[in-house]
């Protein structure tokens, strides 16, 4: 099942998703220039909001680039050390090599892989299980680096430090120790495509760039040269519950909680604006949720002919629902299981039973319909 969200979000003059020159982003649509809000800013906001929620999996996940210090602190906790000792850090580095991840300079993994919160503790336990082996290998690695005639020679000699595990064993151990698919980030957004298949998942959600439903209009903030953008944005996103459930190991209860958390975070998402007098932390005015068996209907074409007038939100809401009805009438309704819509400022042209009165009710009903 798929849950689609169609949002109308009015934002006052602010700096959201500016380009490299700190100017609002624009896109041409319907032969008219529109304000544009890139999807990557919305995804980042969703991730930040997920991390604030009390999820059973503890948080939205942490990057493996933070695990050297995380595991080291866990190992040294008994000694009450404020930071991991040098010997402990070397131990953890060898574990990374053993898991087939490897490290670049600065204790960074070659790719950013999000993993579950307790991975630091599990990695520490994995280090301790193999402490003597890793300590010996770390000592030999230091000698190789010290005696090498060049960095390239050191890298070649380091390859002679045979791993205890085969490649297949490395993948199995890494999946067990790091449990990347237990992280909400990975279950929802997938992972870095450059990583091994075991460390990623097919994304369960999509978030589109947001476009204004009306022509773009920018202005300079008083006393500054920076341009600000004010717009009513149409935002579209979809969540595939089947993929989400599969990514979470088939745990439907966990998928239910993750989906509810994602829907709430998506609605509240807005990239942090740079400081300006508007403090533009508004919420969407209209939320339309569609639960369907398959397929996707991005409804941006409702605004191919731009909205005009002093109240673009009301006009956009009416146009959105009307266009959805037209598309539904033409393409049929067999794949649609539920339609739910809500407006902060008033009723939408939908049946009363399709209009939840709160966001909690809307998300609960949508996820329940999707998971059956």
Protein backbone atom coordinates (compact mmCIF):
# COMPACT_ATOMS: atom_id res chain seq x y z
CA UNK A 1 0.00 0.00 0.00
CA UNK A 2 1.01 3.58 -0.73
CA UNK A 3 0.26 6.69 1.32
CA UNK A 4 0.50 9.92 -0.66
CA UNK A 5 0.54 13.34 0.98
CA UNK A 6 -0.42 16.51 -0.87
CA UNK A 7 0.27 19.64 1.18
CA UNK A 8 -0.40 23.34 0.69
CA UNK A 9 2.09 25.30 2.76
CA UNK A 10 2.03 29.09 2.88
CA UNK A 11 5.35 30.61 3.94
CA UNK A 12 5.94 34.36 4.52
CA UNK A 13 8.95 36.18 3.11
CA UNK A 14 12.00 34.22 4.18
CA UNK A 15 15.15 32.45 2.99
CA UNK A 16 14.23 28.81 2.43
CA UNK A 17 16.45 26.63 0.29
CA UNK A 18 18.48 29.43 -1.26
CA UNK A 19 21.10 28.73 -3.91
CA UNK A 20 24.85 29.26 -3.59
CA UNK A 21 24.36 33.02 -3.96
CA UNK A 22 21.73 33.07 -1.15
CA UNK A 23 18.94 33.78 -3.61
CA UNK A 24 15.57 32.02 -3.63
CA UNK A 25 15.38 29.14 -6.08
CA UNK A 26 13.04 29.38 -9.05
CA UNK A 27 11.66 26.95 -11.64
CA UNK A 28 9.57 27.51 -14.76
CA UNK A 29 6.26 25.64 -14.76
CA UNK A 30 3.29 26.38 -17.00
CA UNK A 31 5.51 28.94 -18.74
CA UNK A 32 5.56 30.90 -15.48
CA UNK A 33 8.42 31.34 -13.01
CA UNK A 34 7.64 29.74 -9.64
CA UNK A 35 9.30 29.67 -6.24
CA UNK A 36 11.02 26.32 -5.67
CA UNK A 37 11.89 24.51 -2.45
CA UNK A 38 14.35 21.65 -3.13
CA UNK A 39 13.43 18.25 -1.76
CA UNK A 40 16.78 17.73 -0.06
CA UNK A 41 16.03 20.53 2.42
CA UNK A 42 12.70 18.92 3.24
CA UNK A 43 14.30 15.48 3.67
CA UNK A 44 16.85 16.92 6.07
CA UNK A 45 14.10 18.56 8.09
CA UNK A 46 12.16 15.27 8.22
CA UNK A 47 15.25 13.45 9.50
CA UNK A 48 15.79 16.07 12.19
CA UNK A 49 12.16 15.80 13.30
CA UNK A 50 12.28 11.99 13.36
CA UNK A 51 15.27 12.15 15.68
CA UNK A 52 13.19 14.19 18.14
CA UNK A 53 10.41 11.60 18.35
CA UNK A 54 10.32 8.82 20.93
CA UNK A 55 10.63 5.89 18.54
CA UNK A 56 11.11 2.32 19.75
CA UNK A 57 14.33 2.11 17.75
CA UNK A 58 15.65 4.97 19.90
CA UNK A 59 16.33 7.51 17.17
CA UNK A 60 16.64 8.06 13.46
CA UNK A 61 20.07 6.48 13.39
CA UNK A 62 23.64 7.71 13.52
CA UNK A 63 26.32 7.81 10.87
CA UNK A 64 29.09 5.23 10.95
CA UNK A 65 31.40 8.24 10.78
CA UNK A 66 30.58 8.82 14.45
CA UNK A 67 31.09 5.26 15.61
CA UNK A 68 34.84 5.32 16.28
CA UNK A 69 34.40 7.71 19.20
CA UNK A 70 31.02 6.21 20.17
CA UNK A 71 32.37 2.68 20.55
CA UNK A 72 35.58 3.93 22.15
CA UNK A 73 33.68 5.82 24.82
CA UNK A 74 31.60 2.74 25.56
CA UNK A 75 34.72 0.57 25.97
CA UNK A 76 36.42 3.12 28.25
CA UNK A 77 33.29 3.87 30.29
CA UNK A 78 34.46 1.71 33.19
CA UNK A 79 37.59 3.82 33.55
CA UNK A 80 35.50 7.02 33.61
CA UNK A 81 37.63 8.45 30.81
CA UNK A 82 36.18 11.56 29.20
CA UNK A 83 37.41 10.53 25.75
CA UNK A 84 38.58 7.20 24.30
CA UNK A 85 42.27 6.43 24.80
CA UNK A 86 44.61 5.98 21.84
CA UNK A 87 44.82 2.21 22.32
CA UNK A 88 41.05 1.90 22.43
CA UNK A 89 40.62 3.93 19.24
CA UNK A 90 43.13 1.68 17.48
CA UNK A 91 41.10 -1.33 18.59
CA UNK A 92 37.92 0.12 17.09
CA UNK A 93 39.70 1.04 13.86
CA UNK A 94 40.78 -2.56 13.43
CA UNK A 95 37.18 -3.66 13.94
CA UNK A 96 36.13 -1.39 11.09
CA UNK A 97 38.69 -3.03 8.83
CA UNK A 98 37.51 -6.44 10.02
CA UNK A 99 33.92 -5.56 9.09
CA UNK A 100 35.02 -4.66 5.58
CA UNK A 101 34.29 -0.96 5.95
CA UNK A 102 37.76 0.51 6.08
CA UNK A 103 38.62 4.10 6.93
CA UNK A 104 39.88 7.19 5.19
CA UNK A 105 41.85 9.92 6.92
CA UNK A 106 40.32 11.46 10.00
CA UNK A 107 38.62 8.23 11.11
CA UNK A 108 35.93 8.54 8.44
CA UNK A 109 34.32 5.60 6.70
CA UNK A 110 34.59 5.77 2.93
CA UNK A 111 30.81 6.18 2.71
CA UNK A 112 28.27 7.54 5.15
CA UNK A 113 26.08 4.66 6.32
CA UNK A 114 23.28 5.29 8.80
CA UNK A 115 22.90 2.60 11.41
CA UNK A 116 20.86 1.97 14.53
CA UNK A 117 21.61 3.90 17.70
CA UNK A 118 22.94 0.95 19.75
CA UNK A 119 25.49 0.11 17.05
CA UNK A 120 28.16 1.87 19.14
CA UNK A 121 27.58 -0.54 22.02
CA UNK A 122 27.43 -3.58 19.73
CA UNK A 123 30.61 -2.48 17.96
CA UNK A 124 32.35 -2.10 21.32
CA UNK A 125 31.34 -5.63 22.33
CA UNK A 126 32.58 -6.91 18.96
CA UNK A 127 35.95 -5.22 19.63
CA UNK A 128 36.25 -6.76 23.06
CA UNK A 129 35.47 -10.24 21.72
CA UNK A 130 38.50 -9.94 19.43
CA UNK A 131 40.66 -7.67 21.58
CA UNK A 132 43.94 -9.58 21.45
CA UNK A 133 43.78 -10.14 17.70
CA UNK A 134 42.95 -6.50 16.97
CA UNK A 135 45.55 -5.14 19.38
CA UNK A 136 48.23 -7.26 17.70
CA UNK A 137 47.10 -6.17 14.25
CA UNK A 138 47.05 -2.51 15.30
CA UNK A 139 50.65 -2.81 16.51
CA UNK A 140 51.74 -4.36 13.22
CA UNK A 141 49.87 -1.69 11.26
CA UNK A 142 51.70 1.08 13.14
CA UNK A 143 55.08 -0.55 12.38
CA UNK A 144 54.21 -0.83 8.70
CA UNK A 145 53.27 2.84 8.49
CA UNK A 146 56.37 3.91 10.44
CA UNK A 147 58.77 1.88 8.28
CA UNK A 148 57.22 2.52 4.88
CA UNK A 149 59.17 4.68 2.46
CA UNK A 150 56.00 6.38 1.18
CA UNK A 151 52.25 6.52 1.88
CA UNK A 152 51.67 4.37 -1.20
CA UNK A 153 54.13 1.76 0.10
CA UNK A 154 52.33 1.81 3.46
CA UNK A 155 48.98 1.20 1.78
CA UNK A 156 50.40 -1.74 -0.18
CA UNK A 157 51.99 -3.26 2.91
CA UNK A 158 48.79 -2.83 4.92
CA UNK A 159 47.03 -5.10 2.45
CA UNK A 160 49.24 -7.90 3.77
CA UNK A 161 47.45 -7.66 7.12
CA UNK A 162 45.02 -10.48 6.37
CA UNK A 163 41.54 -10.20 7.80
CA UNK A 164 40.39 -13.02 10.03
CA UNK A 165 37.07 -13.15 8.19
CA UNK A 166 36.23 -13.81 4.56
CA UNK A 167 34.28 -11.21 2.59
CA UNK A 168 31.04 -13.10 3.21
CA UNK A 169 31.79 -13.35 6.91
CA UNK A 170 32.56 -9.62 6.99
CA UNK A 171 29.16 -8.80 5.50
CA UNK A 172 27.37 -11.08 7.94
CA UNK A 173 29.23 -9.64 10.93
CA UNK A 174 28.70 -6.05 9.79
CA UNK A 175 24.98 -6.63 9.32
CA UNK A 176 24.79 -8.18 12.80
CA UNK A 177 26.95 -5.60 14.58
CA UNK A 178 25.77 -2.43 12.85
CA UNK A 179 22.19 -3.54 12.03
CA UNK A 180 21.83 -0.72 9.48
CA UNK A 181 18.33 -1.67 8.39
CA UNK A 182 17.05 -1.19 11.91
CA UNK A 183 17.68 2.54 11.56
CA UNK A 184 14.63 4.56 10.62
CA UNK A 185 16.77 6.59 8.19
CA UNK A 186 17.74 3.50 6.22
CA UNK A 187 14.27 1.94 6.30
CA UNK A 188 12.71 5.15 4.99
CA UNK A 189 15.37 6.81 2.84
CA UNK A 190 17.58 3.90 1.83
CA UNK A 191 21.34 4.30 2.03
CA UNK A 192 24.35 5.46 0.10
CA UNK A 193 24.30 3.56 -3.24
CA UNK A 194 28.09 3.27 -3.09
CA UNK A 195 27.88 0.96 -0.09
CA UNK A 196 27.48 -2.80 -0.16
CA UNK A 197 23.95 -4.10 -0.64
CA UNK A 198 23.88 -5.33 2.95
CA UNK A 199 24.24 -1.76 4.21
CA UNK A 200 21.42 -0.17 2.32
CA UNK A 201 17.77 -0.67 1.45
CA UNK A 202 15.46 0.42 -1.31
CA UNK A 203 13.95 3.76 -0.21
CA UNK A 204 10.41 3.46 1.10
CA UNK A 205 9.60 7.15 0.68
CA UNK A 206 9.87 9.87 -1.95
CA UNK A 207 9.75 13.62 -1.43
CA UNK A 208 9.40 15.96 -4.40
CA UNK A 209 10.66 19.51 -4.85
CA UNK A 210 7.97 21.95 -3.76
CA UNK A 211 6.71 24.60 -6.22
CA UNK A 212 4.59 27.65 -5.62
CA UNK A 213 1.03 27.42 -6.89
CA UNK A 214 1.32 30.99 -8.17
CA UNK A 215 3.91 33.13 -9.99
CA UNK A 216 7.13 33.82 -8.11
CA UNK A 217 7.57 37.10 -6.30
CA UNK A 218 10.70 38.06 -4.39
CA UNK A 219 11.71 41.10 -2.39
CA UNK A 220 14.78 42.32 -0.55
CA UNK A 221 14.74 42.25 3.24
CA UNK A 222 14.87 45.81 4.62
CA UNK A 223 18.45 46.80 5.37
CA UNK A 224 19.87 43.78 3.53
CA UNK A 225 20.54 42.84 -0.07
CA UNK A 226 19.36 39.27 0.43
CA UNK A 227 16.26 38.29 -1.52
CA UNK A 228 13.32 36.75 0.31
CA UNK A 229 10.58 34.56 -1.10
CA UNK A 230 6.95 34.36 0.01
CA UNK A 231 4.85 31.56 -1.46
CA UNK A 232 2.07 29.04 -1.12
CA UNK A 233 3.90 25.82 -1.94
CA UNK A 234 2.42 22.59 -3.23
CA UNK A 235 4.35 19.74 -1.58
CA UNK A 236 4.10 16.09 -2.58
CA UNK A 237 5.46 12.95 -0.93
CA UNK A 238 4.67 9.23 -0.91
CA UNK A 239 5.42 6.33 1.43
CA UNK A 240 5.44 2.71 0.32
CA UNK A 241 4.31 0.70 3.38
CA UNK A 242 5.28 -2.64 1.81
CA UNK A 243 8.87 -1.50 1.29
CA UNK A 244 9.00 0.07 4.73
CA UNK A 245 7.78 -3.14 6.36
CA UNK A 246 10.26 -5.24 4.39
CA UNK A 247 13.12 -2.89 5.31
CA UNK A 248 12.19 -3.28 8.98
CA UNK A 249 12.41 -7.05 8.77
CA UNK A 250 8.67 -7.62 8.32
CA UNK A 251 7.78 -6.04 11.66
CA UNK A 252 4.32 -4.57 10.96
CA UNK A 253 4.01 -3.02 14.40
CA UNK A 254 7.30 -1.21 13.93
CA UNK A 255 6.28 -0.17 10.40
CA UNK A 256 3.07 1.31 11.85
CA UNK A 257 5.03 3.43 14.33
CA UNK A 258 7.62 4.45 11.76
CA UNK A 259 4.96 5.43 9.21
CA UNK A 260 3.04 7.53 11.72
CA UNK A 261 6.27 9.24 12.76
CA UNK A 262 7.25 9.92 9.14
CA UNK A 263 3.84 11.35 8.23
CA UNK A 264 3.88 13.73 11.18
CA UNK A 265 7.47 14.75 10.48
CA UNK A 266 6.70 15.32 6.79
CA UNK A 267 3.78 17.61 7.61
CA UNK A 268 5.85 19.64 10.09
CA UNK A 269 8.97 19.74 7.92
CA UNK A 270 10.29 23.10 6.86
CA UNK A 271 13.96 23.91 6.34
CA UNK A 272 15.36 26.18 9.03
CA UNK A 273 15.30 29.70 7.69
CA UNK A 274 18.21 32.04 8.21
CA UNK A 275 17.41 34.64 10.89
CA UNK A 276 15.10 37.32 9.57
CA UNK A 277 12.19 39.35 10.95
CA UNK A 278 9.49 36.97 9.65
CA UNK A 279 10.49 33.92 11.79
CA UNK A 280 8.81 31.84 9.12
CA UNK A 281 7.96 28.64 10.95
CA UNK A 282 4.49 28.13 9.56
CA UNK A 283 2.59 24.84 9.17
CA UNK A 284 0.71 23.55 6.12
CA UNK A 285 -2.80 24.92 5.68
CA UNK A 286 -4.12 21.88 3.81
CA UNK A 287 -3.26 18.17 4.06
CA UNK A 288 -4.70 15.69 1.57
CA UNK A 289 -3.79 12.02 2.16
CA UNK A 290 -4.52 9.32 -0.40
CA UNK A 291 -4.10 5.63 0.41
CA UNK A 292 -3.74 3.49 -2.70
CA UNK A 293 -2.78 -0.05 -3.59
CA UNK A 294 -0.19 1.03 -6.16
CA UNK A 295 0.74 3.89 -8.46
CA UNK A 296 1.33 7.60 -7.89
CA UNK A 297 -0.55 10.79 -8.65
CA UNK A 298 1.53 13.90 -8.17
CA UNK A 299 -1.09 16.65 -8.49
CA UNK A 300 1.21 19.55 -9.40
CA UNK A 301 -0.59 19.89 -12.77
CA UNK A 302 -3.52 21.31 -10.84
CA UNK A 303 -1.47 24.51 -10.80
CA UNK A 304 -0.23 24.47 -14.39
CA UNK A 305 -2.46 27.52 -14.73
CA UNK A 306 -1.13 29.59 -11.79
CA UNK A 307 -3.41 30.73 -8.99
CA UNK A 308 -4.07 34.46 -8.90
CA UNK A 309 -5.67 36.76 -6.37
CA UNK A 310 -4.98 37.96 -2.84
CA UNK A 311 -5.66 34.57 -1.17
CA UNK A 312 -3.68 31.88 -2.98
CA UNK A 313 -4.24 29.31 -0.21
CA UNK A 314 -8.03 29.21 -0.57
CA UNK A 315 -7.81 29.16 -4.35
CA UNK A 316 -5.13 26.48 -4.29
CA UNK A 317 -7.15 24.27 -1.91
CA UNK A 318 -10.22 24.42 -4.11
CA UNK A 319 -8.17 23.76 -7.26
CA UNK A 320 -6.30 20.84 -5.65
CA UNK A 321 -9.44 18.95 -4.59
CA UNK A 322 -11.23 19.66 -7.85
CA UNK A 323 -8.28 18.44 -9.92
CA UNK A 324 -7.94 15.31 -7.80
CA UNK A 325 -11.60 14.56 -8.47
CA UNK A 326 -11.10 15.04 -12.21
CA UNK A 327 -8.07 12.72 -12.31
CA UNK A 328 -9.89 10.16 -10.21
CA UNK A 329 -12.95 10.26 -12.44
CA UNK A 330 -10.87 9.74 -15.58
CA UNK A 331 -8.44 7.08 -14.35
CA UNK A 332 -10.79 5.25 -12.01
CA UNK A 333 -10.88 4.57 -8.31
CA UNK A 334 -10.15 0.85 -8.09
CA UNK A 335 -6.66 1.29 -6.65
CA UNK A 336 -7.67 3.93 -4.08
CA UNK A 337 -8.54 2.62 -0.62
CA UNK A 338 -8.98 5.87 1.35
CA UNK A 339 -9.04 9.63 0.83
CA UNK A 340 -8.59 11.96 3.80
CA UNK A 341 -8.34 15.73 3.73
CA UNK A 342 -8.13 18.45 6.34
CA UNK A 343 -7.81 22.22 6.32
CA UNK A 344 -6.70 24.37 9.24
CA UNK A 345 -8.91 27.26 8.16
CA UNK A 346 -12.07 25.47 7.11
CA UNK A 347 -13.70 22.56 5.33
CA UNK A 348 -12.55 21.14 2.03
CA UNK A 349 -14.96 20.12 -0.76
CA UNK A 350 -14.84 16.50 0.43
CA UNK A 351 -17.37 14.25 2.14
CA UNK A 352 -17.54 14.92 5.87
CA UNK A 353 -16.37 11.40 6.70
CA UNK A 354 -13.21 12.07 4.72
CA UNK A 355 -12.26 15.10 6.83
CA UNK A 356 -10.42 14.25 10.08
CA UNK A 357 -10.39 17.04 12.63
CA UNK A 358 -6.79 16.58 13.80
CA UNK A 359 -3.45 15.59 12.31
CA UNK A 360 -3.24 12.63 14.70
CA UNK A 361 -6.55 11.31 13.43
CA UNK A 362 -5.52 11.79 9.81
CA UNK A 363 -2.18 9.99 10.16
CA UNK A 364 -3.65 7.15 12.22
CA UNK A 365 -6.48 6.56 9.77
CA UNK A 366 -4.13 6.74 6.78
CA UNK A 367 -1.61 4.25 8.18
CA UNK A 368 -4.35 1.91 9.41
CA UNK A 369 -5.93 1.88 5.95
CA UNK A 370 -2.53 1.27 4.34
CA UNK A 371 -1.48 -1.57 6.63
CA UNK A 372 -4.93 -3.12 6.67
